[in-house]
Amino acid sequence: MRNKSLIIADDFTGSNDTGVQLRKKGFPIDVLLFPTNKKLSNSIVLDTESRLLSSKDAYQKVKKMTKSVVENNEFRFIYKKIDSTLRGNIATEIKAVADVTHPDKIVIAPAFPKIGRTTLNGRHYLNKVPLLETEIVNDPLTPIWTDNLIELLQNDFKDNIALHPASNFDDKKWSEYTIHVFDIQNDNDLIHLTNILKEFQEKILFVGSAGLAEYLFEKERLPTLSVVGSISEVSLEQMNFAESKGIYSVNVELNDLLNDSKIDKYSRIITNSLQQNGDTILTVTRKRSDYTKTIELFNSLGILDKKEISRIIRESLAKITTSAMSKTPIAGLFLTGGDTAIEIINECNSTGCQIISEIEPGIVQSTLLGGDFDGMKIITKAGAFGKKDSLYNSIQTLK
């Protein structure tokens, strides 16, 4: 699952207040109290319940639990959730996660401006008061000993720590250091930071409270795949309009419709288009005359029954579609032409669909039930239905 993320938190309430940031963005998210080495479908928060442990025990527990989860799962983001008032075994637990995941860089920003937690010159504040001058210093279970993030980290990470002022990302420091602490004064600073970090290709371990999580976990905008199996003038007009808006299209050559070995060829073409161009349309007809040529080609090969010709075309489109879907994630399917739609649904091994809403009169959004792509969003339309922008608008709805 390309959008799957892992959060490691040291207590249950922290697990929930960070996990909910993903849920608000539409990600399914589970909180696990016990680790598992099984393949996971959803993003997860791993609750290690290690805040009250000794530093040594916390390291061992966090390392063991993290290792069990990452062994058989790949994650888009790995996030070490820490307390926004710096309670707990912060540096030790960051090191435990890093020793398992081996990041290129570690980004640390515990600020949560919406509830008064900010960082300035590496020092952490609660409602504009340094933490060491607040009641947090007398916490009965986890009293803090410093409000300086550099001091907090030095025992475990030595001198490999850089401090970045708010809204002033230092490229030179980024290249020279592994550990990066960021001053954060407001939500705009968090937005600025996450926008920069998402552009980097390095493997980053993100460390923060629910504040950083709120802006880091944006749902990836996956491309859509539209399959136009109708030859109606309305469908062709809709396809042309979508192309005028920048939607890429792939046309299956007539001669390839009778060659099963060409399925892989077009599957690769569609996959590459989805990954490089984004939203993609798959079709066999660009204009009405293409249909006439198709009939003539099949007739020349002794295939005279139009129903048989239609079946061959449907099956080719369905096989190309599902093959591409198995290779790269998509946001959803737009299917026009009822026979084509049902062929693709059957090829997905689905048992049917669950209706969600009517996008326009006669244009319906559903999700697939069961099969290889359970829960996949689809929009279906009879060939002659809709306005010229209906295909384009449906693509935007799926995203």
Foldseek 3Di string as FASTA:
>chain_A
DAQAEEEEEAADVQQVLQQVLLVVQPFDEEEDAAAALDEDDGHYYDHQNQQLPDLVVSLVSLLVRLLSHVVNYDHNAYEYAAALLRFGNPQSNVVSNCVRPVFQAEEAEAAAPVQQWWFAPQFIDRVNHTSCPDCQCVPPRTHDDGRRNCVSNCVPVPPLEDEAEQPGDDPVNVVRHRYYYYTDNDLVSLLSVLVVVVPDPTGYHYYYGSRNSNNNSHDDAFFEEEEEEDQDPLLLLLVVVLVVVQEAEDADELVCLPPPVCLVVLLVVVLVCRVPRGYYYYYHDNHNVSVVVSQVVCVVVVNNDVVVSSVSNLLSSLSSVVSNCVVDPGLAYEYEAVVSVVSNLVSQVFPAWAWDDAPDVQKTWTATHDGNRGRGIYIYHYHNDDHSNVVVVVRVVSD
